Amino acid sequence: MKKTRRKVDKKSKKKSTSSENSKIKNATPLTYDGIKFRSKLEVYCYKELKKHKIYANYEPVTYTILDSFYFNNKKVQGITYTPDFVGEDFIIECKGWMNDA
């Protein structure tokens, strides 16, 4: 059985749960129109696109930027990119407040 670790915020001593987005500071996951978004900003963007009848899919594809490889007998993790919204001829990446990560 795999153990799940909980991260503790040193300032507030608050334990993060699986429903929180631990990689992005202050991101609140939400479900809207049956879609699970990672943040309120993504929900806002989705609503604006829908309001203006601009068709875009939410996180429909993941691109491999660099495949994983071995260097000095150690595996180097590959790099992938999943854009937030992809339309017919555009990509939108929602970015919130900057943090130390």
PDB file of N, CA and C in Angstrom:
ATOM      1  N   MET A   1       0.832  -1.177   0.000  1.00  0.00           N
ATOM      2  CA  MET A   1       0.000   0.000   0.000  1.00  0.00           C
ATOM      3  C   MET A   1       0.882   1.248   0.000  1.00  0.00           C
ATOM      4  N   LYS A   2       0.588   2.162  -0.904  1.00  0.00           N
ATOM      5  CA  LYS A   2       1.374   3.385  -1.028  1.00  0.00           C
ATOM      6  C   LYS A   2       0.900   4.408  -0.006  1.00  0.00           C
ATOM      7  N   LYS A   3       1.834   5.015   0.709  1.00  0.00           N
ATOM      8  CA  LYS A   3       1.502   6.029   1.702  1.00  0.00           C
ATOM      9  C   LYS A   3       1.372   7.390   1.039  1.00  0.00           C
ATOM     10  N   THR A   4       0.408   8.156   1.501  1.00  0.00           N
ATOM     11  CA  THR A   4       0.221   9.512   1.017  1.00  0.00           C
ATOM     12  C   THR A   4       0.692  10.465   2.102  1.00  0.00           C
ATOM     13  N   ARG A   5       1.587  11.349   1.756  1.00  0.00           N
ATOM     14  CA  ARG A   5       2.097  12.328   2.714  1.00  0.00           C
ATOM     15  C   ARG A   5       1.291  13.599   2.625  1.00  0.00           C
ATOM     16  N   ARG A   6       1.117  14.238   3.760  1.00  0.00           N
ATOM     17  CA  ARG A   6       0.457  15.534   3.800  1.00  0.00           C
ATOM     18  C   ARG A   6       1.505  16.592   4.062  1.00  0.00           C
ATOM     19  N   LYS A   7       1.451  17.646   3.303  1.00  0.00           N
ATOM     20  CA  LYS A   7       2.376  18.756   3.503  1.00  0.00           C
ATOM     21  C   LYS A   7       1.805  19.688   4.559  1.00  0.00           C
ATOM     22  N   VAL A   8       2.669  20.234   5.382  1.00  0.00           N
ATOM     23  CA  VAL A   8       2.243  21.160   6.419  1.00  0.00           C
ATOM     24  C   VAL A   8       2.806  22.532   6.105  1.00  0.00           C
ATOM     25  N   ASP A   9       1.911  23.515   6.005  1.00  0.00           N
ATOM     26  CA  ASP A   9       2.321  24.896   5.787  1.00  0.00           C
ATOM     27  C   ASP A   9       2.929  25.395   7.095  1.00  0.00           C
ATOM     28  N   LYS A  10       4.206  25.752   7.072  1.00  0.00           N
ATOM     29  CA  LYS A  10       4.925  26.135   8.289  1.00  0.00           C
ATOM     30  C   LYS A  10       4.342  27.374   8.956  1.00  0.00           C
ATOM     31  N   LYS A  11       3.800  28.296   8.169  1.00  0.00           N
ATOM     32  CA  LYS A  11       3.259  29.526   8.741  1.00  0.00           C
ATOM     33  C   LYS A  11       1.939  29.273   9.471  1.00  0.00           C
ATOM     34  N   SER A  12       1.033  28.544   8.833  1.00  0.00           N
ATOM     35  CA  SER A  12      -0.287  28.367   9.429  1.00  0.00           C
ATOM     36  C   SER A  12      -0.455  27.009  10.097  1.00  0.00           C
ATOM     37  N   LYS A  13       0.516  26.118   9.933  1.00  0.00           N
ATOM     38  CA  LYS A  13       0.447  24.757  10.462  1.00  0.00           C
ATOM     39  C   LYS A  13      -0.770  24.002   9.913  1.00  0.00           C
ATOM     40  N   LYS A  14      -1.229  24.427   8.751  1.00  0.00           N
ATOM     41  CA  LYS A  14      -2.389  23.813   8.129  1.00  0.00           C
ATOM     42  C   LYS A  14      -1.942  22.637   7.270  1.00  0.00           C
ATOM     43  N   LYS A  15      -2.601  21.511   7.412  1.00  0.00           N
ATOM     44  CA  LYS A  15      -2.279  20.348   6.594  1.00  0.00           C
ATOM     45  C   LYS A  15      -3.064  20.445   5.295  1.00  0.00           C
ATOM     46  N   SER A  16      -2.370  20.205   4.182  1.00  0.00           N
ATOM     47  CA  SER A  16      -3.052  20.240   2.901  1.00  0.00           C
ATOM     48  C   SER A  16      -3.730  18.898   2.669  1.00  0.00           C
ATOM     49  N   THR A  17      -4.822  18.928   1.937  1.00  0.00           N
ATOM     50  CA  THR A  17      -5.544  17.709   1.610  1.00  0.00           C
ATOM     51  C   THR A  17      -5.496  17.499   0.114  1.00  0.00           C
ATOM     52  N   SER A  18      -5.991  16.354  -0.334  1.00  0.00           N
ATOM     53  CA  SER A  18      -5.924  16.044  -1.759  1.00  0.00           C
ATOM     54  C   SER A  18      -6.783  16.986  -2.588  1.00  0.00           C
ATOM     55  N   SER A  19      -7.782  17.660  -1.981  1.00  0.00           N
ATOM     56  CA  SER A  19      -8.626  18.571  -2.737  1.00  0.00           C
ATOM     57  C   SER A  19      -7.949  19.908  -3.005  1.00  0.00           C
ATOM     58  N   GLU A  20      -6.858  20.198  -2.307  1.00  0.00           N
ATOM     59  CA  GLU A  20      -6.142  21.438  -2.528  1.00  0.00           C
ATOM     60  C   GLU A  20      -5.071  21.238  -3.593  1.00  0.00           C
ATOM     61  N   ASN A  21      -4.725  22.292  -4.275  1.00  0.00           N
ATOM     62  CA  ASN A  21      -3.682  22.236  -5.277  1.00  0.00           C
ATOM     63  C   ASN A  21      -2.381  22.640  -4.603  1.00  0.00           C
ATOM     64  N   SER A  22      -1.557  21.662  -4.211  1.00  0.00           N
ATOM     65  CA  SER A  22      -0.364  21.953  -3.417  1.00  0.00           C
ATOM     66  C   SER A  22       0.752  22.623  -4.218  1.00  0.00           C
ATOM     67  N   LYS A  23       0.709  22.554  -5.536  1.00  0.00           N
ATOM     68  CA  LYS A  23       1.763  23.169  -6.339  1.00  0.00           C
ATOM     69  C   LYS A  23       1.546  24.660  -6.538  1.00  0.00           C
ATOM     70  N   ILE A  24       0.298  25.085  -6.454  1.00  0.00           N
ATOM     71  CA  ILE A  24      -0.018  26.474  -6.737  1.00  0.00           C
ATOM     72  C   ILE A  24      -0.574  27.125  -5.486  1.00  0.00           C
ATOM     73  N   LYS A  25       0.076  28.184  -5.049  1.00  0.00           N
ATOM     74  CA  LYS A  25      -0.328  28.883  -3.834  1.00  0.00           C
ATOM     75  C   LYS A  25      -1.703  29.523  -4.018  1.00  0.00           C
ATOM     76  N   ASN A  26      -2.577  29.324  -3.053  1.00  0.00           N
ATOM     77  CA  ASN A  26      -3.930  29.890  -3.022  1.00  0.00           C
ATOM     78  C   ASN A  26      -4.844  29.412  -4.144  1.00  0.00           C
ATOM     79  N   ALA A  27      -4.535  28.311  -4.820  1.00  0.00           N
ATOM     80  CA  ALA A  27      -5.408  27.780  -5.859  1.00  0.00           C
ATOM     81  C   ALA A  27      -6.493  26.937  -5.201  1.00  0.00           C
ATOM     82  N   THR A  28      -7.730  27.169  -5.609  1.00  0.00           N
ATOM     83  CA  THR A  28      -8.865  26.436  -5.063  1.00  0.00           C
ATOM     84  C   THR A  28      -9.519  25.642  -6.180  1.00  0.00           C
ATOM     85  N   PRO A  29      -9.413  24.308  -6.136  1.00  0.00           N
ATOM     86  CA  PRO A  29     -10.066  23.491  -7.166  1.00  0.00           C
ATOM     87  C   PRO A  29     -11.586  23.650  -7.101  1.00  0.00           C
ATOM     88  N   LEU A  30     -12.225  23.734  -8.259  1.00  0.00           N
ATOM     89  CA  LEU A  30     -13.675  23.871  -8.353  1.00  0.00           C
ATOM     90  C   LEU A  30     -14.211  23.004  -9.474  1.00  0.00           C
ATOM     91  N   THR A  31     -15.474  22.629  -9.363  1.00  0.00           N
ATOM     92  CA  THR A  31     -16.157  21.932 -10.448  1.00  0.00           C
ATOM     93  C   THR A  31     -17.235  22.863 -10.979  1.00  0.00           C
ATOM     94  N   TYR A  32     -17.244  23.066 -12.296  1.00  0.00           N
ATOM     95  CA  TYR A  32     -18.230  23.928 -12.936  1.00  0.00           C
ATOM     96  C   TYR A  32     -18.612  23.287 -14.265  1.00  0.00           C
ATOM     97  N   ASP A  33     -19.896  23.216 -14.567  1.00  0.00           N
ATOM     98  CA  ASP A  33     -20.396  22.548 -15.781  1.00  0.00           C
ATOM     99  C   ASP A  33     -19.870  21.118 -15.894  1.00  0.00           C
ATOM    100  N   GLY A  34     -19.644  20.457 -14.751  1.00  0.00           N
ATOM    101  CA  GLY A  34     -19.165  19.080 -14.753  1.00  0.00           C
ATOM    102  C   GLY A  34     -17.678  18.932 -15.049  1.00  0.00           C
ATOM    103  N   ILE A  35     -16.954  20.053 -15.120  1.00  0.00           N
ATOM    104  CA  ILE A  35     -15.516  20.035 -15.400  1.00  0.00           C
ATOM    105  C   ILE A  35     -14.771  20.360 -14.116  1.00  0.00           C
ATOM    106  N   LYS A  36     -13.763  19.574 -13.783  1.00  0.00           N
ATOM    107  CA  LYS A  36     -12.958  19.821 -12.588  1.00  0.00           C
ATOM    108  C   LYS A  36     -11.796  20.744 -12.947  1.00  0.00           C
ATOM    109  N   PHE A  37     -11.882  21.984 -12.484  1.00  0.00           N
ATOM    110  CA  PHE A  37     -10.845  22.979 -12.737  1.00  0.00           C
ATOM    111  C   PHE A  37      -9.881  23.011 -11.566  1.00  0.00           C
ATOM    112  N   ARG A  38      -8.652  23.451 -11.812  1.00  0.00           N
ATOM    113  CA  ARG A  38      -7.629  23.514 -10.775  1.00  0.00           C
ATOM    114  C   ARG A  38      -7.652  24.823  -9.988  1.00  0.00           C
ATOM    115  N   SER A  39      -8.339  25.854 -10.516  1.00  0.00           N
ATOM    116  CA  SER A  39      -8.351  27.145  -9.825  1.00  0.00           C
ATOM    117  C   SER A  39      -9.578  27.958 -10.210  1.00  0.00           C
ATOM    118  N   LYS A  40      -9.851  28.966  -9.390  1.00  0.00           N
ATOM    119  CA  LYS A  40     -10.945  29.896  -9.672  1.00  0.00           C
ATOM    120  C   LYS A  40     -10.663  30.693 -10.940  1.00  0.00           C
ATOM    121  N   LEU A  41      -9.386  30.990 -11.177  1.00  0.00           N
ATOM    122  CA  LEU A  41      -9.010  31.742 -12.377  1.00  0.00           C
ATOM    123  C   LEU A  41      -9.378  30.962 -13.643  1.00  0.00           C
ATOM    124  N   GLU A  42      -9.180  29.649 -13.644  1.00  0.00           N
ATOM    125  CA  GLU A  42      -9.542  28.826 -14.802  1.00  0.00           C
ATOM    126  C   GLU A  42     -11.055  28.809 -14.996  1.00  0.00           C
ATOM    127  N   VAL A  43     -11.817  28.767 -13.910  1.00  0.00           N
ATOM    128  CA  VAL A  43     -13.278  28.815 -14.007  1.00  0.00           C
ATOM    129  C   VAL A  43     -13.704  30.161 -14.595  1.00  0.00           C
ATOM    130  N   TYR A  44     -13.089  31.246 -14.121  1.00  0.00           N
ATOM    131  CA  TYR A  44     -13.397  32.574 -14.648  1.00  0.00           C
ATOM    132  C   TYR A  44     -13.118  32.636 -16.150  1.00  0.00           C
ATOM    133  N   CYS A  45     -11.973  32.128 -16.560  1.00  0.00           N
ATOM    134  CA  CYS A  45     -11.602  32.137 -17.986  1.00  0.00           C
ATOM    135  C   CYS A  45     -12.601  31.312 -18.801  1.00  0.00           C
ATOM    136  N   TYR A  46     -12.981  30.148 -18.285  1.00  0.00           N
ATOM    137  CA  TYR A  46     -13.951  29.278 -18.955  1.00  0.00           C
ATOM    138  C   TYR A  46     -15.284  30.010 -19.145  1.00  0.00           C
ATOM    139  N   LYS A  47     -15.750  30.686 -18.082  1.00  0.00           N
ATOM    140  CA  LYS A  47     -17.020  31.413 -18.156  1.00  0.00           C
ATOM    141  C   LYS A  47     -16.956  32.540 -19.186  1.00  0.00           C
ATOM    142  N   GLU A  48     -15.828  33.254 -19.233  1.00  0.00           N
ATOM    143  CA  GLU A  48     -15.672  34.340 -20.201  1.00  0.00           C
ATOM    144  C   GLU A  48     -15.641  33.814 -21.633  1.00  0.00           C
ATOM    145  N   LEU A  49     -14.927  32.724 -21.854  1.00  0.00           N
ATOM    146  CA  LEU A  49     -14.898  32.123 -23.190  1.00  0.00           C
ATOM    147  C   LEU A  49     -16.306  31.697 -23.609  1.00  0.00           C
ATOM    148  N   LYS A  50     -17.016  31.059 -22.694  1.00  0.00           N
ATOM    149  CA  LYS A  50     -18.378  30.593 -22.974  1.00  0.00           C
ATOM    150  C   LYS A  50     -19.319  31.773 -23.239  1.00  0.00           C
ATOM    151  N   LYS A  51     -19.200  32.835 -22.424  1.00  0.00           N
ATOM    152  CA  LYS A  51     -20.043  34.026 -22.571  1.00  0.00           C
ATOM    153  C   LYS A  51     -19.864  34.661 -23.954  1.00  0.00           C
ATOM    154  N   HIS A  52     -18.646  34.655 -24.449  1.00  0.00           N
ATOM    155  CA  HIS A  52     -18.350  35.265 -25.751  1.00  0.00           C
ATOM    156  C   HIS A  52     -18.392  34.257 -26.902  1.00  0.00           C
ATOM    157  N   LYS A  53     -18.903  33.043 -26.598  1.00  0.00           N
ATOM    158  CA  LYS A  53     -19.074  31.975 -27.598  1.00  0.00           C
ATOM    159  C   LYS A  53     -17.767  31.643 -28.316  1.00  0.00           C
ATOM    160  N   ILE A  54     -16.696  31.576 -27.527  1.00  0.00           N
ATOM    161  CA  ILE A  54     -15.390  31.169 -28.048  1.00  0.00           C
ATOM    162  C   ILE A  54     -15.176  29.731 -27.603  1.00  0.00           C
ATOM    163  N   TYR A  55     -15.102  28.819 -28.560  1.00  0.00           N
ATOM    164  CA  TYR A  55     -15.008  27.408 -28.250  1.00  0.00           C
ATOM    165  C   TYR A  55     -13.560  27.020 -27.923  1.00  0.00           C
ATOM    166  N   ALA A  56     -13.383  26.399 -26.746  1.00  0.00           N
ATOM    167  CA  ALA A  56     -12.069  25.897 -26.340  1.00  0.00           C
ATOM    168  C   ALA A  56     -12.261  24.734 -25.377  1.00  0.00           C
ATOM    169  N   ASN A  57     -11.407  23.734 -25.477  1.00  0.00           N
ATOM    170  CA  ASN A  57     -11.434  22.588 -24.568  1.00  0.00           C
ATOM    171  C   ASN A  57     -10.503  22.842 -23.390  1.00  0.00           C
ATOM    172  N   TYR A  58     -10.880  22.288 -22.232  1.00  0.00           N
ATOM    173  CA  TYR A  58     -10.062  22.435 -21.032  1.00  0.00           C
ATOM    174  C   TYR A  58      -9.103  21.250 -20.912  1.00  0.00           C
ATOM    175  N   GLU A  59      -7.814  21.533 -20.877  1.00  0.00           N
ATOM    176  CA  GLU A  59      -6.742  20.539 -20.727  1.00  0.00           C
ATOM    177  C   GLU A  59      -6.960  19.289 -21.584  1.00  0.00           C
ATOM    178  N   PRO A  60      -7.149  19.467 -22.902  1.00  0.00           N
ATOM    179  CA  PRO A  60      -7.450  18.307 -23.745  1.00  0.00           C
ATOM    180  C   PRO A  60      -6.237  17.468 -24.147  1.00  0.00           C
ATOM    181  N   VAL A  61      -5.059  18.057 -24.060  1.00  0.00           N
ATOM    182  CA  VAL A  61      -3.875  17.364 -24.576  1.00  0.00           C
ATOM    183  C   VAL A  61      -2.656  17.720 -23.726  1.00  0.00           C
ATOM    184  N   THR A  62      -1.721  16.781 -23.647  1.00  0.00           N
ATOM    185  CA  THR A  62      -0.448  17.027 -22.976  1.00  0.00           C
ATOM    186  C   THR A  62       0.664  16.835 -24.002  1.00  0.00           C
ATOM    187  N   TYR A  63       1.530  17.819 -24.104  1.00  0.00           N
ATOM    188  CA  TYR A  63       2.654  17.763 -25.033  1.00  0.00           C
ATOM    189  C   TYR A  63       3.907  17.305 -24.303  1.00  0.00           C
ATOM    190  N   THR A  64       4.685  16.448 -24.941  1.00  0.00           N
ATOM    191  CA  THR A  64       5.974  16.046 -24.390  1.00  0.00           C
ATOM    192  C   THR A  64       7.022  17.002 -24.936  1.00  0.00           C
ATOM    193  N   ILE A  65       7.645  17.748 -24.042  1.00  0.00           N
ATOM    194  CA  ILE A  65       8.674  18.705 -24.440  1.00  0.00           C
ATOM    195  C   ILE A  65      10.022  17.994 -24.539  1.00  0.00           C
ATOM    196  N   LEU A  66      10.281  17.130 -23.574  1.00  0.00           N
ATOM    197  CA  LEU A  66      11.534  16.374 -23.548  1.00  0.00           C
ATOM    198  C   LEU A  66      11.247  15.008 -22.930  1.00  0.00           C
ATOM    199  N   ASP A  67      11.595  13.948 -23.650  1.00  0.00           N
ATOM    200  CA  ASP A  67      11.416  12.603 -23.115  1.00  0.00           C
ATOM    201  C   ASP A  67      12.364  12.372 -21.946  1.00  0.00           C
ATOM    202  N   SER A  68      11.976  11.467 -21.043  1.00  0.00           N
ATOM    203  CA  SER A  68      12.883  11.111 -19.947  1.00  0.00           C
ATOM    204  C   SER A  68      14.093  10.382 -20.532  1.00  0.00           C
ATOM    205  N   PHE A  69      15.212  10.448 -19.824  1.00  0.00           N
ATOM    206  CA  PHE A  69      16.437   9.806 -20.293  1.00  0.00           C
ATOM    207  C   PHE A  69      17.319   9.487 -19.103  1.00  0.00           C
ATOM    208  N   TYR A  70      18.340   8.704 -19.351  1.00  0.00           N
ATOM    209  CA  TYR A  70      19.300   8.354 -18.297  1.00  0.00           C
ATOM    210  C   TYR A  70      20.585   9.126 -18.490  1.00  0.00           C
ATOM    211  N   PHE A  71      21.128   9.650 -17.387  1.00  0.00           N
ATOM    212  CA  PHE A  71      22.392  10.365 -17.401  1.00  0.00           C
ATOM    213  C   PHE A  71      23.186   9.888 -16.193  1.00  0.00           C
ATOM    214  N   ASN A  72      24.372   9.363 -16.446  1.00  0.00           N
ATOM    215  CA  ASN A  72      25.211   8.786 -15.380  1.00  0.00           C
ATOM    216  C   ASN A  72      24.437   7.770 -14.544  1.00  0.00           C
ATOM    217  N   ASN A  73      23.708   6.899 -15.239  1.00  0.00           N
ATOM    218  CA  ASN A  73      22.915   5.837 -14.620  1.00  0.00           C
ATOM    219  C   ASN A  73      21.795   6.333 -13.711  1.00  0.00           C
ATOM    220  N   LYS A  74      21.391   7.581 -13.856  1.00  0.00           N
ATOM    221  CA  LYS A  74      20.263   8.130 -13.116  1.00  0.00           C
ATOM    222  C   LYS A  74      19.219   8.601 -14.118  1.00  0.00           C
ATOM    223  N   LYS A  75      17.961   8.285 -13.821  1.00  0.00           N
ATOM    224  CA  LYS A  75      16.891   8.695 -14.718  1.00  0.00           C
ATOM    225  C   LYS A  75      16.559  10.163 -14.509  1.00  0.00           C
ATOM    226  N   VAL A  76      16.511  10.903 -15.614  1.00  0.00           N
ATOM    227  CA  VAL A  76      16.120  12.309 -15.610  1.00  0.00           C
ATOM    228  C   VAL A  76      14.671  12.361 -16.079  1.00  0.00           C
ATOM    229  N   GLN A  77      13.833  12.978 -15.272  1.00  0.00           N
ATOM    230  CA  GLN A  77      12.408  13.034 -15.569  1.00  0.00           C
ATOM    231  C   GLN A  77      12.140  13.845 -16.825  1.00  0.00           C
ATOM    232  N   GLY A  78      11.209  13.369 -17.636  1.00  0.00           N
ATOM    233  CA  GLY A  78      10.822  14.085 -18.838  1.00  0.00           C
ATOM    234  C   GLY A  78      10.039  15.347 -18.497  1.00  0.00           C
ATOM    235  N   ILE A  79       9.872  16.201 -19.483  1.00  0.00           N
ATOM    236  CA  ILE A  79       9.153  17.453 -19.293  1.00  0.00           C
ATOM    237  C   ILE A  79       7.918  17.433 -20.180  1.00  0.00           C
ATOM    238  N   THR A  80       6.753  17.697 -19.574  1.00  0.00           N
ATOM    239  CA  THR A  80       5.502  17.756 -20.324  1.00  0.00           C
ATOM    240  C   THR A  80       4.837  19.105 -20.091  1.00  0.00           C
ATOM    241  N   TYR A  81       3.907  19.437 -20.968  1.00  0.00           N
ATOM    242  CA  TYR A  81       3.154  20.690 -20.861  1.00  0.00           C
ATOM    243  C   TYR A  81       1.705  20.428 -21.212  1.00  0.00           C
ATOM    244  N   THR A  82       0.803  20.821 -20.332  1.00  0.00           N
ATOM    245  CA  THR A  82      -0.632  20.700 -20.572  1.00  0.00           C
ATOM    246  C   THR A  82      -1.231  22.102 -20.532  1.00  0.00           C
ATOM    247  N   PRO A  83      -1.609  22.658 -21.682  1.00  0.00           N
ATOM    248  CA  PRO A  83      -2.207  23.992 -21.683  1.00  0.00           C
ATOM    249  C   PRO A  83      -3.603  23.947 -21.054  1.00  0.00           C
ATOM    250  N   ASP A  84      -4.017  25.059 -20.463  1.00  0.00           N
ATOM    251  CA  ASP A  84      -5.319  25.114 -19.803  1.00  0.00           C
ATOM    252  C   ASP A  84      -6.464  25.038 -20.813  1.00  0.00           C
ATOM    253  N   PHE A  85      -6.430  25.866 -21.823  1.00  0.00           N
ATOM    254  CA  PHE A  85      -7.495  25.872 -22.828  1.00  0.00           C
ATOM    255  C   PHE A  85      -6.876  25.809 -24.221  1.00  0.00           C
ATOM    256  N   VAL A  86      -7.479  24.985 -25.077  1.00  0.00           N
ATOM    257  CA  VAL A  86      -7.009  24.862 -26.458  1.00  0.00           C
ATOM    258  C   VAL A  86      -8.203  25.061 -27.379  1.00  0.00           C
ATOM    259  N   GLY A  87      -8.082  26.056 -28.257  1.00  0.00           N
ATOM    260  CA  GLY A  87      -9.115  26.325 -29.255  1.00  0.00           C
ATOM    261  C   GLY A  87      -8.620  25.892 -30.627  1.00  0.00           C
ATOM    262  N   GLU A  88      -9.356  26.279 -31.638  1.00  0.00           N
ATOM    263  CA  GLU A  88      -9.020  25.878 -33.009  1.00  0.00           C
ATOM    264  C   GLU A  88      -7.641  26.383 -33.431  1.00  0.00           C
ATOM    265  N   ASP A  89      -7.317  27.626 -33.084  1.00  0.00           N
ATOM    266  CA  ASP A  89      -6.024  28.178 -33.484  1.00  0.00           C
ATOM    267  C   ASP A  89      -5.387  29.003 -32.363  1.00  0.00           C
ATOM    268  N   PHE A  90      -5.663  28.627 -31.115  1.00  0.00           N
ATOM    269  CA  PHE A  90      -5.070  29.345 -29.983  1.00  0.00           C
ATOM    270  C   PHE A  90      -4.942  28.446 -28.762  1.00  0.00           C
ATOM    271  N   ILE A  91      -4.066  28.852 -27.856  1.00  0.00           N
ATOM    272  CA  ILE A  91      -3.873  28.197 -26.557  1.00  0.00           C
ATOM    273  C   ILE A  91      -3.913  29.292 -25.494  1.00  0.00           C
ATOM    274  N   ILE A  92      -4.600  29.021 -24.375  1.00  0.00           N
ATOM    275  CA  ILE A  92      -4.632  29.958 -23.254  1.00  0.00           C
ATOM    276  C   ILE A  92      -4.057  29.251 -22.038  1.00  0.00           C
ATOM    277  N   GLU A  93      -3.104  29.894 -21.380  1.00  0.00           N
ATOM    278  CA  GLU A  93      -2.504  29.395 -20.137  1.00  0.00           C
ATOM    279  C   GLU A  93      -2.848  30.407 -19.048  1.00  0.00           C
ATOM    280  N   CYS A  94      -3.614  29.981 -18.057  1.00  0.00           N
ATOM    281  CA  CYS A  94      -4.009  30.858 -16.944  1.00  0.00           C
ATOM    282  C   CYS A  94      -2.926  30.842 -15.879  1.00  0.00           C
ATOM    283  N   LYS A  95      -2.463  31.994 -15.489  1.00  0.00           N
ATOM    284  CA  LYS A  95      -1.456  32.098 -14.432  1.00  0.00           C
ATOM    285  C   LYS A  95      -1.957  33.069 -13.374  1.00  0.00           C
ATOM    286  N   GLY A  96      -1.903  32.644 -12.129  1.00  0.00           N
ATOM    287  CA  GLY A  96      -2.347  33.482 -11.028  1.00  0.00           C
ATOM    288  C   GLY A  96      -1.192  34.269 -10.459  1.00  0.00           C
ATOM    289  N   TRP A  97      -1.246  34.498  -9.153  1.00  0.00           N
ATOM    290  CA  TRP A  97      -0.211  35.261  -8.471  1.00  0.00           C
ATOM    291  C   TRP A  97       1.110  34.508  -8.469  1.00  0.00           C
ATOM    292  N   MET A  98       2.208  35.240  -8.592  1.00  0.00           N
ATOM    293  CA  MET A  98       3.527  34.646  -8.541  1.00  0.00           C
ATOM    294  C   MET A  98       3.823  34.196  -7.113  1.00  0.00           C
ATOM    295  N   ASN A  99       4.534  33.085  -6.993  1.00  0.00           N
ATOM    296  CA  ASN A  99       4.971  32.627  -5.671  1.00  0.00           C
ATOM    297  C   ASN A  99       6.392  32.114  -5.762  1.00  0.00           C
ATOM    298  N   ASP A 100       6.907  31.593  -4.663  1.00  0.00           N
ATOM    299  CA  ASP A 100       8.295  31.144  -4.656  1.00  0.00           C
ATOM    300  C   ASP A 100       8.510  29.822  -5.375  1.00  0.00           C
ATOM    301  N   ALA A 101       7.454  29.120  -5.736  1.00  0.00           N
ATOM    302  CA  ALA A 101       7.598  27.855  -6.464  1.00  0.00           C
ATOM    303  C   ALA A 101       7.801  28.151  -7.923  1.00  0.00           C
TER     304      ALA A 101
END
